[in-house]
Amino acid sequence: MNITTLVFILLSVMAVGSALMMIASKSPVHSVLWLIVVFFAISGHYILLNAQFLAIVNIIVYAGAIMVLFLFVVMLMNLNADTEPIKNYRLQLIGVISGGTLLLIILSAVMKIDVEQMVEMKTGDAGLIKSLGFNLFKNYVLPFEISSVLFLSAMIGAVIIGKKDEITHEG
């Protein structure tokens, strides 16, 4: 067993275990923190597949920005047990039946997979930042520049709208 296989197994166990802990956690804050661990494990899988850009974007966007937003939303919500609505047991039964059906579909799909099919890791350079940047600035310079001007005008518009409120409240 080589080191890549060992790291893959470790990351997979970490991702599945953290996902199960996310579901099983009673506290919504703990669930969000477990989801961040899942995102880090998935980023490790991206690195094993030689897609460093996706790994970095996954950490920055999902584990960083989106999870901070989720934490703020969860902390701002009033999650008292006394204000919680009465649970509908028919909906819970439908959820269990739907989940069981999905589990059967996934198991039947996994049983049909050819076990001998190997996945090549760290081959090619499609996910490398160097090749992505080269392709972006060679083949897609005009759309890239147009989108940067669009983002710049959106930022200027947001600042003007924000300043307009300050000007109307002062005068």
C-alpha atoms as a PDB file:
ATOM      1  CA  MET A   1       0.000   0.000   0.000  1.00  0.00           C
ATOM      2  CA  ASN A   2       1.566   3.265  -1.087  1.00  0.00           C
ATOM      3  CA  ILE A   3       1.314   6.617   0.655  1.00  0.00           C
ATOM      4  CA  THR A   4      -1.259   8.020  -1.799  1.00  0.00           C
ATOM      5  CA  THR A   5      -3.674   5.187  -1.085  1.00  0.00           C
ATOM      6  CA  LEU A   6      -3.152   5.614   2.651  1.00  0.00           C
ATOM      7  CA  VAL A   7      -3.811   9.364   2.465  1.00  0.00           C
ATOM      8  CA  PHE A   8      -6.899   8.723   0.313  1.00  0.00           C
ATOM      9  CA  ILE A   9      -8.296   6.251   2.846  1.00  0.00           C
ATOM     10  CA  LEU A  10      -7.528   8.615   5.731  1.00  0.00           C
ATOM     11  CA  LEU A  11      -9.219  11.558   3.990  1.00  0.00           C
ATOM     12  CA  SER A  12     -12.221   9.419   3.057  1.00  0.00           C
ATOM     13  CA  VAL A  13     -12.682   8.191   6.622  1.00  0.00           C
ATOM     14  CA  MET A  14     -12.305  11.759   7.850  1.00  0.00           C
ATOM     15  CA  ALA A  15     -14.891  13.062   5.344  1.00  0.00           C
ATOM     16  CA  VAL A  16     -17.465  10.342   6.025  1.00  0.00           C
ATOM     17  CA  GLY A  17     -16.940  10.470   9.799  1.00  0.00           C
ATOM     18  CA  SER A  18     -17.245  14.248   9.882  1.00  0.00           C
ATOM     19  CA  ALA A  19     -20.372  14.104   7.711  1.00  0.00           C
ATOM     20  CA  LEU A  20     -21.937  11.610  10.107  1.00  0.00           C
ATOM     21  CA  MET A  21     -20.991  13.790  13.082  1.00  0.00           C
ATOM     22  CA  MET A  22     -22.483  16.788  11.274  1.00  0.00           C
ATOM     23  CA  ILE A  23     -25.791  14.963  10.932  1.00  0.00           C
ATOM     24  CA  ALA A  24     -25.725  13.539  14.462  1.00  0.00           C
ATOM     25  CA  SER A  25     -24.807  16.793  16.251  1.00  0.00           C
ATOM     26  CA  LYS A  26     -27.552  18.322  18.352  1.00  0.00           C
ATOM     27  CA  SER A  27     -26.085  21.823  18.165  1.00  0.00           C
ATOM     28  CA  PRO A  28     -26.347  23.651  14.823  1.00  0.00           C
ATOM     29  CA  VAL A  29     -23.035  25.391  15.491  1.00  0.00           C
ATOM     30  CA  HIS A  30     -21.297  22.044  15.947  1.00  0.00           C
ATOM     31  CA  SER A  31     -22.920  20.806  12.729  1.00  0.00           C
ATOM     32  CA  VAL A  32     -21.481  23.757  10.819  1.00  0.00           C
ATOM     33  CA  LEU A  33     -18.036  23.130  12.313  1.00  0.00           C
ATOM     34  CA  TRP A  34     -18.185  19.453  11.292  1.00  0.00           C
ATOM     35  CA  LEU A  35     -19.159  20.561   7.786  1.00  0.00           C
ATOM     36  CA  ILE A  36     -16.000  22.675   7.652  1.00  0.00           C
ATOM     37  CA  VAL A  37     -13.983  19.534   8.451  1.00  0.00           C
ATOM     38  CA  VAL A  38     -15.770  17.762   5.582  1.00  0.00           C
ATOM     39  CA  PHE A  39     -14.786  20.579   3.216  1.00  0.00           C
ATOM     40  CA  PHE A  40     -11.143  20.303   4.275  1.00  0.00           C
ATOM     41  CA  ALA A  41     -11.199  16.541   3.643  1.00  0.00           C
ATOM     42  CA  ILE A  42     -12.719  17.092   0.197  1.00  0.00           C
ATOM     43  CA  SER A  43     -10.002  19.656  -0.529  1.00  0.00           C
ATOM     44  CA  GLY A  44      -7.461  16.976   0.348  1.00  0.00           C
ATOM     45  CA  HIS A  45      -9.078  14.736  -2.260  1.00  0.00           C
ATOM     46  CA  TYR A  46      -8.755  17.540  -4.819  1.00  0.00           C
ATOM     47  CA  ILE A  47      -5.044  17.787  -4.057  1.00  0.00           C
ATOM     48  CA  LEU A  48      -4.682  14.036  -4.570  1.00  0.00           C
ATOM     49  CA  LEU A  49      -6.336  14.463  -7.977  1.00  0.00           C
ATOM     50  CA  ASN A  50      -3.791  17.171  -8.889  1.00  0.00           C
ATOM     51  CA  ALA A  51      -6.399  19.938  -8.848  1.00  0.00           C
ATOM     52  CA  GLN A  52      -4.768  22.436  -6.517  1.00  0.00           C
ATOM     53  CA  PHE A  53      -6.861  25.354  -7.748  1.00  0.00           C
ATOM     54  CA  LEU A  54     -10.111  23.568  -6.861  1.00  0.00           C
ATOM     55  CA  ALA A  55      -8.697  22.691  -3.447  1.00  0.00           C
ATOM     56  CA  ILE A  56      -7.783  26.306  -2.691  1.00  0.00           C
ATOM     57  CA  VAL A  57     -11.098  27.643  -3.999  1.00  0.00           C
ATOM     58  CA  ASN A  58     -12.986  25.020  -1.964  1.00  0.00           C
ATOM     59  CA  ILE A  59     -11.192  26.080   1.212  1.00  0.00           C
ATOM     60  CA  ILE A  60     -11.508  29.822   0.591  1.00  0.00           C
ATOM     61  CA  VAL A  61     -15.073  29.930  -0.725  1.00  0.00           C
ATOM     62  CA  TYR A  62     -16.856  27.097   1.048  1.00  0.00           C
ATOM     63  CA  ALA A  63     -14.916  26.499   4.274  1.00  0.00           C
ATOM     64  CA  GLY A  64     -14.223  30.212   4.602  1.00  0.00           C
ATOM     65  CA  ALA A  65     -16.939  32.485   3.335  1.00  0.00           C
ATOM     66  CA  ILE A  66     -20.009  30.252   3.112  1.00  0.00           C
ATOM     67  CA  MET A  67     -19.464  28.571   6.481  1.00  0.00           C
ATOM     68  CA  VAL A  68     -18.895  31.914   8.211  1.00  0.00           C
ATOM     69  CA  LEU A  69     -22.190  33.050   6.703  1.00  0.00           C
ATOM     70  CA  PHE A  70     -23.877  29.851   7.953  1.00  0.00           C
ATOM     71  CA  LEU A  71     -22.422  30.413  11.431  1.00  0.00           C
ATOM     72  CA  PHE A  72     -23.770  33.965  11.523  1.00  0.00           C
ATOM     73  CA  VAL A  73     -27.212  32.825  10.370  1.00  0.00           C
ATOM     74  CA  VAL A  74     -27.307  30.004  12.924  1.00  0.00           C
ATOM     75  CA  MET A  75     -26.183  32.300  15.722  1.00  0.00           C
ATOM     76  CA  LEU A  76     -28.769  34.954  14.794  1.00  0.00           C
ATOM     77  CA  MET A  77     -31.648  32.477  14.725  1.00  0.00           C
ATOM     78  CA  ASN A  78     -33.594  31.869  17.893  1.00  0.00           C
ATOM     79  CA  LEU A  79     -33.258  28.108  18.324  1.00  0.00           C
ATOM     80  CA  ASN A  80     -34.997  27.627  21.654  1.00  0.00           C
ATOM     81  CA  ALA A  81     -36.647  24.262  22.231  1.00  0.00           C
ATOM     82  CA  ASP A  82     -39.814  25.871  23.633  1.00  0.00           C
ATOM     83  CA  THR A  83     -40.463  27.807  20.397  1.00  0.00           C
ATOM     84  CA  GLU A  84     -39.870  24.768  18.183  1.00  0.00           C
ATOM     85  CA  PRO A  85     -42.960  23.654  16.240  1.00  0.00           C
ATOM     86  CA  ILE A  86     -44.586  20.268  16.860  1.00  0.00           C
ATOM     87  CA  LYS A  87     -43.025  17.564  14.708  1.00  0.00           C
ATOM     88  CA  ASN A  88     -45.169  15.824  12.162  1.00  0.00           C
ATOM     89  CA  TYR A  89     -44.478  12.073  12.414  1.00  0.00           C
ATOM     90  CA  ARG A  90     -45.897  11.398   8.945  1.00  0.00           C
ATOM     91  CA  LEU A  91     -43.241  13.667   7.461  1.00  0.00           C
ATOM     92  CA  GLN A  92     -40.574  11.820   9.465  1.00  0.00           C
ATOM     93  CA  LEU A  93     -41.848   8.489   8.136  1.00  0.00           C
ATOM     94  CA  ILE A  94     -41.798   9.833   4.570  1.00  0.00           C
ATOM     95  CA  GLY A  95     -38.225  11.048   5.160  1.00  0.00           C
ATOM     96  CA  VAL A  96     -37.129   7.621   6.419  1.00  0.00           C
ATOM     97  CA  ILE A  97     -38.756   5.876   3.438  1.00  0.00           C
ATOM     98  CA  SER A  98     -37.166   8.358   1.000  1.00  0.00           C
ATOM     99  CA  GLY A  99     -33.747   7.963   2.618  1.00  0.00           C
ATOM    100  CA  GLY A 100     -34.027   4.174   2.540  1.00  0.00           C
ATOM    101  CA  THR A 101     -34.990   4.254  -1.124  1.00  0.00           C
ATOM    102  CA  LEU A 102     -32.007   6.487  -1.895  1.00  0.00           C
ATOM    103  CA  LEU A 103     -29.740   4.114   0.041  1.00  0.00           C
ATOM    104  CA  LEU A 104     -31.007   1.153  -2.012  1.00  0.00           C
ATOM    105  CA  ILE A 105     -30.411   3.052  -5.261  1.00  0.00           C
ATOM    106  CA  ILE A 106     -26.871   3.971  -4.216  1.00  0.00           C
ATOM    107  CA  LEU A 107     -26.121   0.388  -3.123  1.00  0.00           C
ATOM    108  CA  SER A 108     -27.386  -1.019  -6.426  1.00  0.00           C
ATOM    109  CA  ALA A 109     -25.251   1.487  -8.352  1.00  0.00           C
ATOM    110  CA  VAL A 110     -22.161   0.651  -6.275  1.00  0.00           C
ATOM    111  CA  MET A 111     -22.664  -3.078  -6.816  1.00  0.00           C
ATOM    112  CA  LYS A 112     -22.587  -2.580 -10.603  1.00  0.00           C
ATOM    113  CA  ILE A 113     -19.253  -0.711 -10.565  1.00  0.00           C
ATOM    114  CA  ASP A 114     -16.282  -2.599 -11.992  1.00  0.00           C
ATOM    115  CA  VAL A 115     -13.882  -3.042  -9.085  1.00  0.00           C
ATOM    116  CA  GLU A 116     -10.868  -3.558 -11.329  1.00  0.00           C
ATOM    117  CA  GLN A 117     -11.156  -0.076 -12.814  1.00  0.00           C
ATOM    118  CA  MET A 118      -8.231   1.962 -11.509  1.00  0.00           C
ATOM    119  CA  VAL A 119      -8.172   5.733 -11.210  1.00  0.00           C
ATOM    120  CA  GLU A 120      -4.945   7.425 -12.195  1.00  0.00           C
ATOM    121  CA  MET A 121      -3.904  10.077  -9.727  1.00  0.00           C
ATOM    122  CA  LYS A 122      -1.603  13.031 -10.309  1.00  0.00           C
ATOM    123  CA  THR A 123      -1.761  12.705 -14.085  1.00  0.00           C
ATOM    124  CA  GLY A 124      -2.109  15.634 -16.428  1.00  0.00           C
ATOM    125  CA  ASP A 125      -1.965  19.287 -15.587  1.00  0.00           C
ATOM    126  CA  ALA A 126      -5.566  20.372 -16.133  1.00  0.00           C
ATOM    127  CA  GLY A 127      -6.123  21.357 -12.500  1.00  0.00           C
ATOM    128  CA  LEU A 128      -2.846  23.156 -11.940  1.00  0.00           C
ATOM    129  CA  ILE A 129      -2.954  26.888 -11.356  1.00  0.00           C
ATOM    130  CA  LYS A 130      -0.160  27.449 -13.869  1.00  0.00           C
ATOM    131  CA  SER A 131      -2.027  25.804 -16.748  1.00  0.00           C
ATOM    132  CA  LEU A 132      -5.315  27.428 -15.712  1.00  0.00           C
ATOM    133  CA  GLY A 133      -3.735  30.888 -15.667  1.00  0.00           C
ATOM    134  CA  PHE A 134      -1.970  30.271 -18.993  1.00  0.00           C
ATOM    135  CA  ASN A 135      -5.243  29.163 -20.610  1.00  0.00           C
ATOM    136  CA  LEU A 136      -7.171  32.052 -19.040  1.00  0.00           C
ATOM    137  CA  PHE A 137      -4.777  34.746 -20.228  1.00  0.00           C
ATOM    138  CA  LYS A 138      -4.084  33.189 -23.639  1.00  0.00           C
ATOM    139  CA  ASN A 139      -7.506  32.077 -24.871  1.00  0.00           C
ATOM    140  CA  TYR A 140      -9.928  34.074 -22.716  1.00  0.00           C
ATOM    141  CA  VAL A 141      -8.299  37.488 -22.248  1.00  0.00           C
ATOM    142  CA  LEU A 142     -11.218  39.530 -23.587  1.00  0.00           C
ATOM    143  CA  PRO A 143     -13.978  37.849 -21.487  1.00  0.00           C
ATOM    144  CA  PHE A 144     -11.688  38.024 -18.434  1.00  0.00           C
ATOM    145  CA  GLU A 145     -11.101  41.758 -18.901  1.00  0.00           C
ATOM    146  CA  ILE A 146     -14.793  42.426 -19.594  1.00  0.00           C
ATOM    147  CA  SER A 147     -15.760  40.613 -16.393  1.00  0.00           C
ATOM    148  CA  SER A 148     -13.152  42.587 -14.419  1.00  0.00           C
ATOM    149  CA  VAL A 149     -14.599  45.888 -15.737  1.00  0.00           C
ATOM    150  CA  LEU A 150     -18.091  44.622 -14.854  1.00  0.00           C
ATOM    151  CA  PHE A 151     -16.996  43.778 -11.289  1.00  0.00           C
ATOM    152  CA  LEU A 152     -15.276  47.159 -10.962  1.00  0.00           C
ATOM    153  CA  SER A 153     -18.409  49.007 -12.089  1.00  0.00           C
ATOM    154  CA  ALA A 154     -20.519  46.944  -9.666  1.00  0.00           C
ATOM    155  CA  MET A 155     -18.196  47.895  -6.789  1.00  0.00           C
ATOM    156  CA  ILE A 156     -18.320  51.569  -7.761  1.00  0.00           C
ATOM    157  CA  GLY A 157     -22.125  51.369  -7.984  1.00  0.00           C
ATOM    158  CA  ALA A 158     -22.329  49.796  -4.521  1.00  0.00           C
ATOM    159  CA  VAL A 159     -20.145  52.545  -3.045  1.00  0.00           C
ATOM    160  CA  ILE A 160     -22.241  55.260  -4.724  1.00  0.00           C
ATOM    161  CA  ILE A 161     -25.484  53.705  -3.459  1.00  0.00           C
ATOM    162  CA  GLY A 162     -23.998  53.460   0.041  1.00  0.00           C
ATOM    163  CA  LYS A 163     -22.784  57.055  -0.061  1.00  0.00           C
ATOM    164  CA  LYS A 164     -26.145  58.307  -1.400  1.00  0.00           C
ATOM    165  CA  ASP A 165     -27.868  57.122   1.804  1.00  0.00           C
ATOM    166  CA  GLU A 166     -25.291  58.986   3.919  1.00  0.00           C
ATOM    167  CA  ILE A 167     -25.770  62.172   1.872  1.00  0.00           C
ATOM    168  CA  THR A 168     -29.576  62.096   2.097  1.00  0.00           C
ATOM    169  CA  HIS A 169     -29.508  61.450   5.862  1.00  0.00           C
ATOM    170  CA  GLU A 170     -27.073  64.316   6.499  1.00  0.00           C
ATOM    171  CA  GLY A 171     -28.942  66.940   4.446  1.00  0.00           C
END
